[in-house]
Amino acid sequence: MNQTFNTSVPYLQTERLTLREYQRADFDLFADHLQNPESSAHLGAADRQTAWRIFTSHAGLWLIHGARWWAIEDKPTGQLVGTIGAFFREQSTVMEMGWNTYRAFWGKGIASEAAAAVLQYAFEVRHEAKVRALIGAGNESSRRVAERLGMTYEMETELNGKTISSYMRAR
C-alpha cells in the first residue's frame, strides 16, 4: 500500500498544547472516550466500529472543507488529551466548533485553551464571518467554554432529533 499521500493540516500552538492532525495511533484513546458512558454523555456513546467511522470522517473532511478536527496534544509530555474541531455540517454555511477533552484531563482548562486557538484560526486565517457551537442541555462545561470564547446564546435548534442550544460569535 502506498502511504505517501498527505494533506496539509495546520498545526496550532498554545502555551501548553499542540493541535495537530489525527494519527492512527490516536484511535484507541478516541474509541475509549466514545465507549465510556460518562465521557460520551453529551456526544452519544459509540461502539469501536462506529468510533472508527467518526474518527476517519473527522480526518477526511480536511479534504472536503479544509477544516475539521485536530488532535490535542500536551506539549511537555506528548500525551493526547482530546480533540477539537472547526468544521461545517453538510447544509451549513456557518463554521461550527466542537471540543472533547478526555476524561483524565477534565477541569484543566484544555478545552478553553484549544478552543481559543481554533477560534483565532477561524477568524484570522480562514476569515470566517461567524462561528457557532451547538451545546446540549446539561452540558455546563461546554457552555462555560463557549461563554469564555465570547460566544452568546443564539437560539434553540435541533440536531439528530434533540433540541440543543446554539451559541454564536461574529468576527
N, C-alpha and C. Protein backbone atom coordinates (compact mmCIF):
# COMPACT_ATOMS: atom_id res chain seq x y z
N MET A 1 0.84 -1.17 0.00
CA MET A 1 0.00 0.00 0.00
C MET A 1 0.89 1.24 0.00
N ASN A 2 0.54 2.19 -0.84
CA ASN A 2 1.28 3.44 -0.90
C ASN A 2 0.79 4.34 0.23
N GLN A 3 1.68 4.69 1.16
CA GLN A 3 1.31 5.52 2.30
C GLN A 3 1.92 6.91 2.22
N THR A 4 2.22 7.38 1.01
CA THR A 4 2.85 8.68 0.87
C THR A 4 1.87 9.82 0.70
N PHE A 5 0.57 9.51 0.50
CA PHE A 5 -0.43 10.57 0.35
C PHE A 5 -0.49 11.39 1.63
N ASN A 6 -0.59 12.69 1.49
CA ASN A 6 -0.65 13.57 2.64
C ASN A 6 -1.49 14.79 2.29
N THR A 7 -2.21 15.28 3.25
CA THR A 7 -2.92 16.54 3.09
C THR A 7 -2.40 17.48 4.17
N SER A 8 -2.52 18.74 3.94
CA SER A 8 -1.95 19.71 4.87
C SER A 8 -2.97 20.08 5.95
N VAL A 9 -2.66 19.72 7.17
CA VAL A 9 -3.45 20.09 8.32
C VAL A 9 -2.60 21.07 9.11
N PRO A 10 -3.06 22.30 9.29
CA PRO A 10 -2.23 23.27 10.02
C PRO A 10 -2.06 22.87 11.48
N TYR A 11 -0.86 23.03 11.98
CA TYR A 11 -0.59 22.84 13.39
C TYR A 11 -0.86 24.17 14.08
N LEU A 12 -1.55 24.11 15.20
CA LEU A 12 -1.77 25.30 16.01
C LEU A 12 -1.08 25.06 17.35
N GLN A 13 -0.49 26.11 17.89
CA GLN A 13 0.25 26.02 19.15
C GLN A 13 -0.35 26.97 20.17
N THR A 14 -0.44 26.51 21.41
CA THR A 14 -0.77 27.38 22.53
C THR A 14 0.37 27.23 23.53
N GLU A 15 0.24 27.86 24.66
CA GLU A 15 1.29 27.75 25.67
C GLU A 15 1.53 26.29 26.06
N ARG A 16 0.45 25.52 26.26
CA ARG A 16 0.59 24.14 26.74
C ARG A 16 0.31 23.07 25.70
N LEU A 17 -0.30 23.45 24.58
CA LEU A 17 -0.87 22.44 23.69
C LEU A 17 -0.36 22.57 22.26
N THR A 18 -0.37 21.44 21.56
CA THR A 18 -0.19 21.39 20.11
C THR A 18 -1.45 20.78 19.53
N LEU A 19 -2.03 21.46 18.55
CA LEU A 19 -3.18 20.93 17.83
C LEU A 19 -2.65 20.44 16.50
N ARG A 20 -2.85 19.16 16.22
CA ARG A 20 -2.25 18.53 15.05
C ARG A 20 -3.23 17.58 14.40
N GLU A 21 -2.82 17.01 13.26
CA GLU A 21 -3.66 16.06 12.55
C GLU A 21 -3.87 14.79 13.38
N TYR A 22 -4.95 14.08 13.08
CA TYR A 22 -5.16 12.78 13.70
C TYR A 22 -4.11 11.82 13.16
N GLN A 23 -3.68 10.91 14.01
CA GLN A 23 -2.75 9.84 13.62
C GLN A 23 -3.37 8.52 14.00
N ARG A 24 -3.01 7.47 13.28
CA ARG A 24 -3.58 6.14 13.54
C ARG A 24 -3.42 5.75 15.01
N ALA A 25 -2.30 6.10 15.60
CA ALA A 25 -2.03 5.75 17.00
C ALA A 25 -2.98 6.45 17.98
N ASP A 26 -3.70 7.48 17.53
CA ASP A 26 -4.64 8.20 18.39
C ASP A 26 -5.96 7.46 18.58
N PHE A 27 -6.22 6.48 17.73
CA PHE A 27 -7.57 5.90 17.68
C PHE A 27 -7.98 5.20 18.97
N ASP A 28 -7.12 4.48 19.62
CA ASP A 28 -7.54 3.75 20.82
C ASP A 28 -8.10 4.68 21.89
N LEU A 29 -7.43 5.79 22.15
CA LEU A 29 -7.94 6.75 23.14
C LEU A 29 -9.25 7.38 22.67
N PHE A 30 -9.35 7.69 21.39
CA PHE A 30 -10.57 8.25 20.81
C PHE A 30 -11.73 7.28 21.01
N ALA A 31 -11.51 6.01 20.67
CA ALA A 31 -12.56 5.00 20.81
C ALA A 31 -12.94 4.79 22.27
N ASP A 32 -11.95 4.75 23.16
CA ASP A 32 -12.25 4.60 24.59
C ASP A 32 -13.12 5.74 25.09
N HIS A 33 -12.83 6.96 24.64
CA HIS A 33 -13.61 8.13 25.03
C HIS A 33 -15.08 7.97 24.60
N LEU A 34 -15.30 7.51 23.40
CA LEU A 34 -16.67 7.35 22.90
C LEU A 34 -17.38 6.14 23.47
N GLN A 35 -16.64 5.17 23.94
CA GLN A 35 -17.27 3.98 24.53
C GLN A 35 -17.61 4.17 26.00
N ASN A 36 -17.02 5.15 26.65
CA ASN A 36 -17.24 5.39 28.07
C ASN A 36 -18.52 6.21 28.24
N PRO A 37 -19.52 5.67 28.95
CA PRO A 37 -20.79 6.39 29.10
C PRO A 37 -20.66 7.76 29.76
N GLU A 38 -19.73 7.91 30.69
CA GLU A 38 -19.56 9.21 31.37
C GLU A 38 -18.94 10.23 30.43
N SER A 39 -17.87 9.88 29.75
CA SER A 39 -17.19 10.86 28.90
C SER A 39 -17.95 11.16 27.61
N SER A 40 -18.80 10.24 27.18
CA SER A 40 -19.55 10.46 25.94
C SER A 40 -21.00 10.87 26.19
N ALA A 41 -21.32 11.23 27.42
CA ALA A 41 -22.70 11.54 27.80
C ALA A 41 -23.34 12.60 26.91
N HIS A 42 -22.59 13.60 26.48
CA HIS A 42 -23.16 14.68 25.67
C HIS A 42 -22.92 14.46 24.18
N LEU A 43 -22.19 13.41 23.84
CA LEU A 43 -21.90 13.11 22.44
C LEU A 43 -22.76 11.97 21.92
N GLY A 44 -23.05 11.05 22.79
CA GLY A 44 -23.68 9.79 22.41
C GLY A 44 -22.59 8.73 22.35
N ALA A 45 -22.76 7.69 23.13
CA ALA A 45 -21.78 6.61 23.16
C ALA A 45 -21.72 5.93 21.79
N ALA A 46 -20.56 5.40 21.48
CA ALA A 46 -20.37 4.71 20.20
C ALA A 46 -19.50 3.47 20.42
N ASP A 47 -19.86 2.38 19.75
CA ASP A 47 -19.00 1.20 19.81
C ASP A 47 -17.74 1.47 18.98
N ARG A 48 -16.79 0.56 19.03
CA ARG A 48 -15.50 0.76 18.38
C ARG A 48 -15.64 0.94 16.87
N GLN A 49 -16.51 0.18 16.24
CA GLN A 49 -16.71 0.28 14.79
C GLN A 49 -17.26 1.66 14.41
N THR A 50 -18.23 2.15 15.16
CA THR A 50 -18.78 3.48 14.91
C THR A 50 -17.74 4.56 15.21
N ALA A 51 -16.97 4.36 16.27
CA ALA A 51 -15.91 5.31 16.60
C ALA A 51 -14.91 5.42 15.45
N TRP A 52 -14.60 4.29 14.81
CA TRP A 52 -13.67 4.32 13.67
C TRP A 52 -14.24 5.17 12.53
N ARG A 53 -15.54 5.02 12.24
CA ARG A 53 -16.16 5.82 11.18
C ARG A 53 -16.11 7.31 11.53
N ILE A 54 -16.36 7.65 12.78
CA ILE A 54 -16.30 9.05 13.20
C ILE A 54 -14.88 9.57 13.10
N PHE A 55 -13.93 8.81 13.59
CA PHE A 55 -12.51 9.19 13.58
C PHE A 55 -12.03 9.46 12.15
N THR A 56 -12.34 8.55 11.24
CA THR A 56 -11.87 8.72 9.86
C THR A 56 -12.63 9.82 9.13
N SER A 57 -13.90 10.04 9.48
CA SER A 57 -14.61 11.15 8.84
C SER A 57 -14.06 12.48 9.34
N HIS A 58 -13.73 12.56 10.61
CA HIS A 58 -13.10 13.78 11.13
C HIS A 58 -11.83 14.08 10.34
N ALA A 59 -11.00 13.07 10.16
CA ALA A 59 -9.73 13.25 9.45
C ALA A 59 -9.97 13.58 7.98
N GLY A 60 -10.90 12.90 7.35
CA GLY A 60 -11.13 13.05 5.92
C GLY A 60 -11.76 14.35 5.50
N LEU A 61 -12.49 14.99 6.38
CA LEU A 61 -13.16 16.22 5.97
C LEU A 61 -12.21 17.39 5.77
N TRP A 62 -10.93 17.23 6.13
CA TRP A 62 -9.95 18.25 5.76
C TRP A 62 -9.90 18.36 4.24
N LEU A 63 -10.13 17.25 3.54
CA LEU A 63 -10.11 17.26 2.07
C LEU A 63 -11.34 17.94 1.49
N ILE A 64 -12.47 17.85 2.16
CA ILE A 64 -13.72 18.40 1.65
C ILE A 64 -13.83 19.90 1.91
N HIS A 65 -13.54 20.32 3.15
CA HIS A 65 -13.76 21.71 3.54
C HIS A 65 -12.49 22.46 3.93
N GLY A 66 -11.36 21.77 4.00
CA GLY A 66 -10.15 22.43 4.50
C GLY A 66 -10.29 22.80 5.97
N ALA A 67 -11.18 22.11 6.66
CA ALA A 67 -11.41 22.34 8.08
C ALA A 67 -12.08 21.10 8.65
N ARG A 68 -11.76 20.78 9.86
CA ARG A 68 -12.44 19.70 10.58
C ARG A 68 -11.90 19.59 11.99
N TRP A 69 -11.23 18.50 12.34
CA TRP A 69 -10.83 18.24 13.72
C TRP A 69 -9.32 18.10 13.85
N TRP A 70 -8.82 18.54 14.99
CA TRP A 70 -7.43 18.34 15.37
C TRP A 70 -7.37 17.43 16.60
N ALA A 71 -6.28 16.71 16.73
CA ALA A 71 -5.95 16.03 17.98
C ALA A 71 -5.29 17.08 18.87
N ILE A 72 -5.59 17.05 20.16
CA ILE A 72 -4.98 17.98 21.12
C ILE A 72 -3.92 17.20 21.90
N GLU A 73 -2.70 17.70 21.82
CA GLU A 73 -1.56 17.04 22.46
C GLU A 73 -0.96 17.96 23.51
N ASP A 74 -0.66 17.41 24.67
CA ASP A 74 0.04 18.14 25.71
C ASP A 74 1.50 18.31 25.28
N LYS A 75 1.98 19.54 25.19
CA LYS A 75 3.35 19.79 24.70
C LYS A 75 4.44 19.09 25.51
N PRO A 76 4.46 19.25 26.84
CA PRO A 76 5.57 18.67 27.59
C PRO A 76 5.65 17.15 27.51
N THR A 77 4.49 16.48 27.48
CA THR A 77 4.50 15.01 27.54
C THR A 77 4.24 14.33 26.21
N GLY A 78 3.64 15.05 25.26
CA GLY A 78 3.22 14.44 24.01
C GLY A 78 1.95 13.62 24.15
N GLN A 79 1.33 13.64 25.32
CA GLN A 79 0.11 12.87 25.60
C GLN A 79 -1.08 13.45 24.84
N LEU A 80 -1.87 12.59 24.21
CA LEU A 80 -3.10 13.00 23.58
C LEU A 80 -4.13 13.27 24.68
N VAL A 81 -4.74 14.48 24.68
CA VAL A 81 -5.64 14.85 25.76
C VAL A 81 -7.06 15.15 25.30
N GLY A 82 -7.30 15.12 23.99
CA GLY A 82 -8.65 15.37 23.48
C GLY A 82 -8.64 15.70 22.01
N THR A 83 -9.77 16.22 21.54
CA THR A 83 -9.92 16.63 20.15
C THR A 83 -10.68 17.95 20.10
N ILE A 84 -10.46 18.69 19.03
CA ILE A 84 -11.18 19.96 18.85
C ILE A 84 -11.42 20.16 17.36
N GLY A 85 -12.58 20.68 17.03
CA GLY A 85 -12.90 20.86 15.62
C GLY A 85 -13.43 22.23 15.28
N ALA A 86 -13.23 22.59 14.03
CA ALA A 86 -13.83 23.75 13.40
C ALA A 86 -14.24 23.24 12.03
N PHE A 87 -15.51 23.10 11.79
CA PHE A 87 -15.98 22.31 10.65
C PHE A 87 -17.33 22.82 10.16
N PHE A 88 -17.78 22.26 9.07
CA PHE A 88 -19.09 22.58 8.50
C PHE A 88 -19.94 21.33 8.44
N ARG A 89 -21.16 21.43 8.90
CA ARG A 89 -22.12 20.35 8.68
C ARG A 89 -22.56 20.40 7.22
N GLU A 90 -23.17 19.35 6.74
CA GLU A 90 -23.49 19.22 5.31
C GLU A 90 -24.20 20.43 4.72
N GLN A 91 -25.24 20.93 5.33
CA GLN A 91 -26.04 22.01 4.75
C GLN A 91 -25.70 23.39 5.31
N SER A 92 -24.70 23.49 6.16
CA SER A 92 -24.41 24.75 6.84
C SER A 92 -23.35 25.57 6.13
N THR A 93 -23.52 26.87 6.18
CA THR A 93 -22.50 27.79 5.67
C THR A 93 -21.77 28.48 6.81
N VAL A 94 -22.14 28.14 8.05
CA VAL A 94 -21.51 28.73 9.23
C VAL A 94 -20.59 27.67 9.85
N MET A 95 -19.34 28.06 10.10
CA MET A 95 -18.40 27.15 10.73
C MET A 95 -18.87 26.84 12.15
N GLU A 96 -18.75 25.59 12.52
CA GLU A 96 -19.11 25.13 13.86
C GLU A 96 -17.86 24.66 14.59
N MET A 97 -17.82 24.91 15.87
CA MET A 97 -16.73 24.40 16.71
C MET A 97 -17.27 23.35 17.66
N GLY A 98 -16.42 22.39 17.98
CA GLY A 98 -16.73 21.39 18.99
C GLY A 98 -15.45 20.98 19.69
N TRP A 99 -15.56 20.51 20.93
CA TRP A 99 -14.37 20.13 21.68
C TRP A 99 -14.69 18.95 22.57
N ASN A 100 -13.70 18.10 22.76
CA ASN A 100 -13.79 16.94 23.64
C ASN A 100 -12.46 16.78 24.36
N THR A 101 -12.50 16.88 25.67
CA THR A 101 -11.30 16.61 26.46
C THR A 101 -11.47 15.21 27.05
N TYR A 102 -10.44 14.40 26.96
CA TYR A 102 -10.53 13.04 27.50
C TYR A 102 -10.63 13.10 29.03
N ARG A 103 -11.38 12.17 29.59
CA ARG A 103 -11.81 12.18 31.00
C ARG A 103 -10.67 12.49 31.98
N ALA A 104 -9.52 11.90 31.79
CA ALA A 104 -8.40 12.10 32.72
C ALA A 104 -7.91 13.54 32.74
N PHE A 105 -8.33 14.36 31.78
CA PHE A 105 -7.84 15.73 31.65
C PHE A 105 -8.92 16.79 31.86
N TRP A 106 -10.10 16.37 32.32
CA TRP A 106 -11.17 17.32 32.60
C TRP A 106 -10.74 18.29 33.69
N GLY A 107 -11.22 19.53 33.61
CA GLY A 107 -11.00 20.50 34.66
C GLY A 107 -9.65 21.18 34.64
N LYS A 108 -8.91 21.05 33.56
CA LYS A 108 -7.57 21.64 33.47
C LYS A 108 -7.51 22.82 32.49
N GLY A 109 -8.66 23.23 31.96
CA GLY A 109 -8.69 24.37 31.04
C GLY A 109 -8.23 24.04 29.63
N ILE A 110 -8.11 22.78 29.31
CA ILE A 110 -7.61 22.37 28.00
C ILE A 110 -8.59 22.76 26.89
N ALA A 111 -9.88 22.50 27.08
CA ALA A 111 -10.86 22.83 26.04
C ALA A 111 -10.87 24.33 25.77
N SER A 112 -10.83 25.14 26.82
CA SER A 112 -10.85 26.59 26.64
C SER A 112 -9.61 27.08 25.90
N GLU A 113 -8.45 26.55 26.26
CA GLU A 113 -7.20 26.97 25.63
C GLU A 113 -7.16 26.57 24.15
N ALA A 114 -7.53 25.33 23.88
CA ALA A 114 -7.53 24.86 22.50
C ALA A 114 -8.58 25.59 21.67
N ALA A 115 -9.77 25.79 22.25
CA ALA A 115 -10.86 26.46 21.52
C ALA A 115 -10.50 27.91 21.19
N ALA A 116 -9.80 28.59 22.08
CA ALA A 116 -9.38 29.96 21.80
C ALA A 116 -8.44 30.00 20.60
N ALA A 117 -7.54 29.04 20.50
CA ALA A 117 -6.62 28.98 19.35
C ALA A 117 -7.37 28.69 18.06
N VAL A 118 -8.35 27.80 18.12
CA VAL A 118 -9.12 27.46 16.92
C VAL A 118 -10.02 28.62 16.50
N LEU A 119 -10.61 29.31 17.45
CA LEU A 119 -11.43 30.47 17.11
C LEU A 119 -10.58 31.54 16.44
N GLN A 120 -9.40 31.79 16.95
CA GLN A 120 -8.48 32.75 16.33
C GLN A 120 -8.13 32.30 14.91
N TYR A 121 -7.87 31.02 14.71
CA TYR A 121 -7.58 30.47 13.38
C TYR A 121 -8.78 30.70 12.44
N ALA A 122 -9.98 30.43 12.93
CA ALA A 122 -11.19 30.59 12.10
C ALA A 122 -11.35 32.04 11.64
N PHE A 123 -11.13 32.98 12.53
CA PHE A 123 -11.32 34.39 12.20
C PHE A 123 -10.14 34.99 11.44
N GLU A 124 -8.93 34.71 11.87
CA GLU A 124 -7.76 35.39 11.29
C GLU A 124 -7.18 34.70 10.06
N VAL A 125 -7.27 33.39 9.99
CA VAL A 125 -6.70 32.67 8.85
C VAL A 125 -7.77 32.35 7.81
N ARG A 126 -8.89 31.80 8.27
CA ARG A 126 -9.96 31.42 7.34
C ARG A 126 -10.90 32.58 7.03
N HIS A 127 -10.87 33.63 7.82
CA HIS A 127 -11.72 34.82 7.64
C HIS A 127 -13.21 34.47 7.68
N GLU A 128 -13.55 33.56 8.58
CA GLU A 128 -14.96 33.23 8.78
C GLU A 128 -15.66 34.44 9.40
N ALA A 129 -16.88 34.70 8.97
CA ALA A 129 -17.63 35.83 9.50
C ALA A 129 -18.17 35.56 10.90
N LYS A 130 -18.51 34.30 11.15
CA LYS A 130 -19.02 33.91 12.46
C LYS A 130 -18.76 32.43 12.68
N VAL A 131 -18.81 32.04 13.93
CA VAL A 131 -18.58 30.66 14.34
C VAL A 131 -19.64 30.30 15.36
N ARG A 132 -20.10 29.07 15.29
CA ARG A 132 -21.19 28.59 16.15
C ARG A 132 -20.71 27.37 16.95
N ALA A 133 -21.30 27.18 18.12
CA ALA A 133 -21.12 25.95 18.90
C ALA A 133 -22.50 25.44 19.28
N LEU A 134 -22.76 24.18 19.04
CA LEU A 134 -24.03 23.56 19.40
C LEU A 134 -23.81 22.76 20.68
N ILE A 135 -24.58 23.09 21.72
CA ILE A 135 -24.33 22.52 23.04
C ILE A 135 -25.63 21.96 23.60
N GLY A 136 -25.58 20.70 23.98
CA GLY A 136 -26.74 20.02 24.52
C GLY A 136 -27.10 20.47 25.92
N ALA A 137 -28.37 20.27 26.26
CA ALA A 137 -28.86 20.61 27.60
C ALA A 137 -28.04 19.87 28.65
N GLY A 138 -27.69 20.57 29.70
CA GLY A 138 -26.95 19.96 30.79
C GLY A 138 -25.44 19.93 30.61
N ASN A 139 -24.96 20.34 29.45
CA ASN A 139 -23.51 20.32 29.22
C ASN A 139 -22.93 21.66 29.66
N GLU A 140 -22.89 21.84 30.97
CA GLU A 140 -22.48 23.12 31.54
C GLU A 140 -21.01 23.44 31.26
N SER A 141 -20.16 22.44 31.23
CA SER A 141 -18.74 22.72 30.99
C SER A 141 -18.54 23.27 29.57
N SER A 142 -19.23 22.72 28.58
CA SER A 142 -19.11 23.25 27.22
C SER A 142 -19.74 24.63 27.09
N ARG A 143 -20.84 24.85 27.80
CA ARG A 143 -21.46 26.18 27.79
C ARG A 143 -20.49 27.21 28.34
N ARG A 144 -19.78 26.86 29.42
CA ARG A 144 -18.80 27.79 30.00
C ARG A 144 -17.65 28.05 29.04
N VAL A 145 -17.19 27.03 28.33
CA VAL A 145 -16.13 27.23 27.33
C VAL A 145 -16.62 28.21 26.27
N ALA A 146 -17.82 27.99 25.75
CA ALA A 146 -18.37 28.89 24.72
C ALA A 146 -18.44 30.32 25.23
N GLU A 147 -18.90 30.51 26.45
CA GLU A 147 -19.00 31.86 27.01
C GLU A 147 -17.62 32.48 27.21
N ARG A 148 -16.62 31.69 27.61
CA ARG A 148 -15.25 32.22 27.74
C ARG A 148 -14.72 32.70 26.39
N LEU A 149 -15.19 32.08 25.32
CA LEU A 149 -14.77 32.47 23.96
C LEU A 149 -15.52 33.71 23.47
N GLY A 150 -16.45 34.21 24.26
CA GLY A 150 -17.24 35.36 23.84
C GLY A 150 -18.45 34.98 23.01
N MET A 151 -18.79 33.69 22.98
CA MET A 151 -19.99 33.26 22.26
C MET A 151 -21.20 33.55 23.13
N THR A 152 -22.29 33.93 22.49
CA THR A 152 -23.52 34.19 23.21
C THR A 152 -24.63 33.30 22.67
N TYR A 153 -25.59 33.04 23.55
CA TYR A 153 -26.73 32.21 23.18
C TYR A 153 -27.44 32.85 21.99
N GLU A 154 -27.73 32.02 20.99
CA GLU A 154 -28.40 32.49 19.78
C GLU A 154 -29.83 31.99 19.69
N MET A 155 -30.01 30.67 19.85
CA MET A 155 -31.34 30.09 19.68
C MET A 155 -31.31 28.61 20.03
N GLU A 156 -32.48 28.03 20.12
CA GLU A 156 -32.62 26.59 20.21
C GLU A 156 -32.72 26.05 18.79
N THR A 157 -32.12 24.90 18.55
CA THR A 157 -32.19 24.26 17.25
C THR A 157 -32.27 22.75 17.47
N GLU A 158 -32.29 22.00 16.42
CA GLU A 158 -32.38 20.55 16.53
C GLU A 158 -31.19 19.90 15.87
N LEU A 159 -30.67 18.87 16.50
CA LEU A 159 -29.58 18.08 15.95
C LEU A 159 -29.83 16.63 16.29
N ASN A 160 -29.93 15.82 15.27
CA ASN A 160 -30.16 14.38 15.45
C ASN A 160 -31.37 14.10 16.34
N GLY A 161 -32.43 14.87 16.14
CA GLY A 161 -33.67 14.65 16.87
C GLY A 161 -33.69 15.21 18.28
N LYS A 162 -32.65 15.93 18.69
CA LYS A 162 -32.60 16.51 20.03
C LYS A 162 -32.55 18.03 19.93
N THR A 163 -33.24 18.69 20.87
CA THR A 163 -33.17 20.14 20.95
C THR A 163 -31.87 20.51 21.65
N ILE A 164 -31.13 21.43 21.04
CA ILE A 164 -29.86 21.88 21.60
C ILE A 164 -29.76 23.40 21.47
N SER A 165 -28.84 23.97 22.22
CA SER A 165 -28.63 25.42 22.19
C SER A 165 -27.50 25.76 21.22
N SER A 166 -27.72 26.83 20.48
CA SER A 166 -26.70 27.34 19.58
C SER A 166 -26.11 28.60 20.19
N TYR A 167 -24.78 28.62 20.28
CA TYR A 167 -24.03 29.79 20.73
C TYR A 167 -23.25 30.31 19.55
N MET A 168 -23.13 31.64 19.42
CA MET A 168 -22.54 32.24 18.23
C MET A 168 -21.59 33.36 18.62
N ARG A 169 -20.57 33.52 17.80
CA ARG A 169 -19.70 34.70 17.91
C ARG A 169 -19.35 35.16 16.51
N ALA A 170 -19.49 36.45 16.28
CA ALA A 170 -19.10 37.05 15.00
C ALA A 170 -17.69 37.59 15.11
N ARG A 171 -17.02 37.68 13.96
CA ARG A 171 -15.66 38.20 13.92
C ARG A 171 -15.62 39.64 14.33
